[in-house]
């Protein structure tokens, strides 16, 4: 099932199954316990991120092509960092480059497959890991490279966590419609130009391996979002580097999920 979270014509926040033409079949219930169709159709006035995650976990260097382009060794274990949940931003809403990321701006795009945990997971095996997934969506792990590097004190969290640095959407697609997350085309276009174009089969650690690893000794609560890494083609590895500027349009596309589109807005 495809699930959209949106504001309807009366200003109410709703869940619905998109029908096309800006209309959705209204769903009721709890997204983790189960949603049911009501038979009512509603206008999608504004599309929201599919959920408000309590936790956002990022994975670095998880595509062979990306590790190669950064001239870094393939990691033995997943490279884990966190993003502030306050970095969430909705589809079509602007990504704001803050003033502390200017002079010069070194903010980058990163197309990613996002995994949403649907039920409490702890110490799960690789074989059972996908049973804990509610669904998948697209993400853009926007990254301030100077803060990810030297200014971050050796940690990535600051450079990944500025407000609006986590676009998520456009919809959540449940597991019955994506039985194999390791065979999805993923791409990013910047102002219409293809910058990243790969397949999730290039991941170093699969979705199931990541969930098993992250849940080892640690509880993953429902709503946890795992960003599974970005493929090759990011801006900072290009010659010359390509960084985001006000007015740029980023489009992250994941097969069977859709296109997550955001414009780079004014600095704050």
Protein backbone atom coordinates (compact mmCIF):
# COMPACT_ATOMS: atom_id res chain seq x y z
CA UNK A 1 0.00 0.00 0.00
CA UNK A 2 1.03 3.57 -0.69
CA UNK A 3 0.38 5.88 2.26
CA UNK A 4 0.46 9.65 2.15
CA UNK A 5 0.29 12.01 5.11
CA UNK A 6 -1.28 15.30 4.15
CA UNK A 7 -3.33 18.35 5.08
CA UNK A 8 -6.82 18.23 3.61
CA UNK A 9 -9.01 21.08 2.43
CA UNK A 10 -10.34 21.64 5.96
CA UNK A 11 -6.84 21.95 7.42
CA UNK A 12 -6.84 18.53 9.06
CA UNK A 13 -3.82 16.22 9.12
CA UNK A 14 -4.76 12.91 7.49
CA UNK A 15 -3.45 9.63 6.19
CA UNK A 16 -4.67 8.46 2.82
CA UNK A 17 -4.06 6.22 -0.15
CA UNK A 18 -3.19 8.47 -3.09
CA UNK A 19 -5.58 8.12 -6.03
CA UNK A 20 -3.98 10.68 -8.34
CA UNK A 21 -5.10 14.16 -9.25
CA UNK A 22 -4.48 15.48 -5.75
CA UNK A 23 -7.09 13.16 -4.20
CA UNK A 24 -6.60 10.42 -1.60
CA UNK A 25 -8.80 7.70 -0.13
CA UNK A 26 -8.95 8.57 3.56
CA UNK A 27 -7.43 6.05 5.97
CA UNK A 28 -8.19 5.77 9.67
CA UNK A 29 -6.44 4.02 12.53
CA UNK A 30 -2.83 3.90 13.65
CA UNK A 31 -0.04 3.73 11.09
CA UNK A 32 1.83 1.14 13.18
CA UNK A 33 -1.17 -0.92 14.29
CA UNK A 34 -2.99 -0.78 10.98
CA UNK A 35 -4.87 1.67 8.76
CA UNK A 36 -8.29 1.06 7.21
CA UNK A 37 -10.03 2.66 4.27
CA UNK A 38 -13.07 4.75 5.19
CA UNK A 39 -14.63 5.07 1.76
CA UNK A 40 -14.17 8.84 1.96
CA UNK A 41 -12.10 10.79 -0.54
CA UNK A 42 -10.20 13.92 0.48
CA UNK A 43 -8.25 16.62 -1.31
CA UNK A 44 -4.51 16.63 -0.69
CA UNK A 45 -4.02 20.31 0.03
CA UNK A 46 -0.42 19.93 1.21
CA UNK A 47 1.70 16.79 1.16
CA UNK A 48 3.64 16.12 4.37
CA UNK A 49 6.55 13.85 5.18
CA UNK A 50 5.06 10.35 5.61
CA UNK A 51 5.77 10.41 9.36
CA UNK A 52 7.49 12.40 12.09
CA UNK A 53 10.30 10.06 13.13
CA UNK A 54 11.34 9.96 16.79
CA UNK A 55 14.81 8.84 15.71
CA UNK A 56 16.77 9.24 12.47
CA UNK A 57 19.80 6.97 12.05
CA UNK A 58 22.16 7.53 9.15
CA UNK A 59 24.59 5.13 7.51
CA UNK A 60 27.71 6.43 5.80
CA UNK A 61 29.80 4.87 3.03
CA UNK A 62 27.27 2.15 2.29
CA UNK A 63 27.61 1.96 -1.50
CA UNK A 64 30.65 0.46 -3.18
CA UNK A 65 30.60 3.25 -5.79
CA UNK A 66 30.48 5.99 -3.15
CA UNK A 67 33.35 4.47 -1.16
CA UNK A 68 35.37 4.33 -4.37
CA UNK A 69 34.69 7.93 -5.36
CA UNK A 70 35.72 9.17 -1.90
CA UNK A 71 38.89 7.07 -2.07
CA UNK A 72 37.99 5.43 1.24
CA UNK A 73 38.22 1.78 2.22
CA UNK A 74 35.07 -0.32 2.22
CA UNK A 75 34.07 -0.34 5.91
CA UNK A 76 34.19 -3.58 7.87
CA UNK A 77 31.17 -2.50 9.92
CA UNK A 78 28.39 0.01 9.15
CA UNK A 79 29.35 3.65 9.69
CA UNK A 80 26.59 4.98 11.94
CA UNK A 81 25.59 8.57 12.75
CA UNK A 82 22.45 10.36 13.88
CA UNK A 83 20.42 13.20 12.42
CA UNK A 84 18.41 15.51 14.63
CA UNK A 85 14.69 14.71 14.07
CA UNK A 86 14.16 18.48 13.88
CA UNK A 87 15.98 18.39 10.53
CA UNK A 88 12.87 16.84 8.93
CA UNK A 89 11.31 18.78 6.06
CA UNK A 90 8.30 17.98 3.87
CA UNK A 91 8.23 17.33 0.13
CA UNK A 92 8.25 20.57 -1.90
CA UNK A 93 9.27 22.61 1.18
CA UNK A 94 12.55 24.54 0.95
CA UNK A 95 15.88 23.31 2.24
CA UNK A 96 17.46 26.29 3.96
CA UNK A 97 21.23 26.75 3.98
CA UNK A 98 21.93 28.43 7.34
CA UNK A 99 24.40 31.28 7.63
CA UNK A 100 26.84 29.09 9.58
CA UNK A 101 27.16 26.92 6.47
CA UNK A 102 28.08 29.82 4.21
CA UNK A 103 31.41 31.51 3.45
CA UNK A 104 31.72 29.49 1.34
CA UNK A 105 28.68 27.23 1.14
CA UNK A 106 29.66 23.57 1.00
CA UNK A 107 26.26 21.91 1.32
CA UNK A 108 25.67 18.70 -0.63
CA UNK A 109 22.78 16.47 -1.73
CA UNK A 110 22.59 12.73 -0.97
CA UNK A 111 19.82 10.55 -2.44
CA UNK A 112 18.92 7.70 -0.08
CA UNK A 113 16.47 4.88 0.48
CA UNK A 114 14.83 5.38 3.89
CA UNK A 115 13.58 2.43 5.95
CA UNK A 116 10.78 2.93 8.51
CA UNK A 117 10.69 0.52 11.45
CA UNK A 118 7.14 -0.62 12.18
CA UNK A 119 7.47 -2.53 15.44
CA UNK A 120 9.92 -2.68 18.33
CA UNK A 121 13.11 -4.42 17.23
CA UNK A 122 15.96 -5.60 19.44
CA UNK A 123 18.58 -8.26 18.78
CA UNK A 124 16.90 -9.35 15.56
CA UNK A 125 18.60 -11.71 13.14
CA UNK A 126 19.34 -10.85 9.54
CA UNK A 127 16.81 -13.43 8.46
CA UNK A 128 13.95 -11.88 10.42
CA UNK A 129 14.99 -8.23 10.10
CA UNK A 130 12.66 -7.25 7.23
CA UNK A 131 9.67 -8.44 9.29
CA UNK A 132 10.19 -5.35 11.46
CA UNK A 133 9.93 -2.92 8.52
CA UNK A 134 6.73 -0.94 8.06
CA UNK A 135 7.77 0.44 4.71
CA UNK A 136 10.12 2.55 2.64
CA UNK A 137 10.35 6.11 1.41
CA UNK A 138 12.90 8.42 -0.20
CA UNK A 139 15.22 10.74 1.67
CA UNK A 140 17.79 13.42 0.94
CA UNK A 141 20.59 13.35 3.51
CA UNK A 142 21.58 16.99 2.99
CA UNK A 143 25.09 17.45 4.36
CA UNK A 144 27.20 20.47 5.27
CA UNK A 145 30.62 19.16 4.31
CA UNK A 146 32.77 21.58 6.37
CA UNK A 147 30.76 20.74 9.48
CA UNK A 148 30.89 17.06 8.61
CA UNK A 149 34.66 17.42 8.41
CA UNK A 150 36.99 19.57 10.48
CA UNK A 151 34.39 21.87 12.05
CA UNK A 152 32.43 18.86 13.30
CA UNK A 153 35.13 17.78 15.71
CA UNK A 154 35.45 14.40 14.03
CA UNK A 155 31.71 13.67 14.25
CA UNK A 156 29.15 13.86 11.42
CA UNK A 157 26.06 14.69 13.47
CA UNK A 158 26.37 18.48 13.33
CA UNK A 159 26.93 18.61 9.58
CA UNK A 160 23.89 16.39 8.98
CA UNK A 161 21.46 17.94 11.46
CA UNK A 162 20.80 21.54 10.49
CA UNK A 163 17.13 22.45 10.20
CA UNK A 164 15.53 21.24 6.91
CA UNK A 165 18.48 18.93 6.15
CA UNK A 166 16.29 15.80 6.03
CA UNK A 167 13.66 15.89 3.27
CA UNK A 168 11.52 12.76 3.48
CA UNK A 169 8.78 11.45 1.17
CA UNK A 170 6.78 11.74 -0.94
CA UNK A 171 4.90 8.66 0.33
CA UNK A 172 5.46 5.58 2.46
CA UNK A 173 5.31 2.32 0.48
CA UNK A 174 4.67 -0.75 2.62
CA UNK A 175 6.65 -3.95 2.37
CA UNK A 176 4.13 -5.94 0.33
CA UNK A 177 4.77 -3.55 -2.55
CA UNK A 178 8.57 -3.59 -2.06
CA UNK A 179 9.45 -7.18 -1.15
CA UNK A 180 13.14 -6.71 -2.07
CA UNK A 181 14.73 -3.39 -1.04
CA UNK A 182 18.01 -4.50 -2.64
CA UNK A 183 16.76 -4.10 -6.21
CA UNK A 184 15.62 -0.49 -6.53
CA UNK A 185 16.94 2.16 -8.86
CA UNK A 186 17.89 5.33 -6.99
CA UNK A 187 18.84 8.69 -8.48
CA UNK A 188 19.22 12.38 -7.82
CA UNK A 189 18.71 15.21 -10.27
CA UNK A 190 19.97 18.72 -9.59
CA UNK A 191 18.27 21.36 -11.72
CA UNK A 192 17.27 18.59 -14.10
CA UNK A 193 20.75 17.12 -14.47
CA UNK A 194 21.27 13.54 -13.30
CA UNK A 195 23.95 13.56 -10.60
CA UNK A 196 23.42 10.14 -9.02
CA UNK A 197 22.07 7.02 -10.71
CA UNK A 198 22.55 3.60 -9.15
CA UNK A 199 20.79 0.56 -7.74
CA UNK A 200 20.41 -0.45 -4.11
CA UNK A 201 22.09 -3.73 -5.04
CA UNK A 202 25.35 -1.75 -4.77
CA UNK A 203 24.90 -1.38 -1.00
CA UNK A 204 27.77 -2.75 1.08
CA UNK A 205 25.42 -3.69 3.94
CA UNK A 206 21.88 -4.71 3.01
CA UNK A 207 18.80 -3.30 4.70
CA UNK A 208 18.40 -6.55 6.65
CA UNK A 209 22.03 -6.47 7.75
CA UNK A 210 21.69 -2.86 8.89
CA UNK A 211 18.58 -3.56 10.96
CA UNK A 212 20.21 -6.58 12.59
CA UNK A 213 23.39 -4.61 13.34
CA UNK A 214 21.59 -1.53 14.70
CA UNK A 215 19.23 -3.59 16.86
CA UNK A 216 22.06 -5.49 18.50
CA UNK A 217 21.77 -4.50 22.16
CA UNK A 218 19.74 -1.46 21.12
CA UNK A 219 15.97 -1.03 20.85
CA UNK A 220 14.69 0.39 17.59
CA UNK A 221 11.30 1.89 18.39
CA UNK A 222 8.43 2.15 15.90
CA UNK A 223 8.90 5.13 13.62
CA UNK A 224 12.67 4.92 13.64
CA UNK A 225 13.95 5.98 10.21
CA UNK A 226 17.15 4.48 8.87
CA UNK A 227 18.85 6.30 6.02
CA UNK A 228 20.72 3.55 4.21
CA UNK A 229 23.51 5.52 2.55
CA UNK A 230 24.00 7.33 -0.73
CA UNK A 231 25.40 6.10 -4.07
CA UNK A 232 28.20 7.70 -6.05
CA UNK A 233 27.84 11.10 -7.69
CA UNK A 234 27.72 13.45 -4.70
CA UNK A 235 28.83 17.02 -5.22
CA UNK A 236 31.99 17.20 -3.14
CA UNK A 237 33.73 14.42 -5.12
CA UNK A 238 33.23 16.16 -8.45
CA UNK A 239 35.90 18.19 -10.21
CA UNK A 240 35.16 20.98 -9.72
CA UNK A 241 32.91 20.32 -6.69
CA UNK A 242 29.20 21.01 -7.05
CA UNK A 243 27.51 22.50 -3.99
CA UNK A 244 23.96 23.68 -3.44
CA UNK A 245 22.91 27.27 -4.06
CA UNK A 246 19.69 29.18 -3.44
CA UNK A 247 17.15 28.35 -6.13
CA UNK A 248 18.54 24.91 -6.92
CA UNK A 249 15.98 22.13 -7.31
CA UNK A 250 16.82 18.67 -5.97
CA UNK A 251 14.83 15.62 -7.06
CA UNK A 252 15.49 12.30 -5.35
CA UNK A 253 13.88 9.35 -7.09
CA UNK A 254 13.55 5.81 -5.75
CA UNK A 255 11.96 3.12 -7.89
CA UNK A 256 8.43 2.15 -6.79
CA UNK A 257 8.35 5.04 -4.31
CA UNK A 258 8.35 8.27 -6.29
CA UNK A 259 10.14 11.60 -6.53
CA UNK A 260 11.06 13.72 -3.52
CA UNK A 261 11.44 17.30 -4.72
CA UNK A 262 12.80 20.27 -2.75
CA UNK A 263 14.08 23.68 -3.69
CA UNK A 264 17.04 25.27 -1.93
CA UNK A 265 15.67 28.36 -0.18
CA UNK A 266 17.03 31.51 1.33
CA UNK A 267 19.67 31.32 4.05
CA UNK A 268 18.71 31.82 7.70
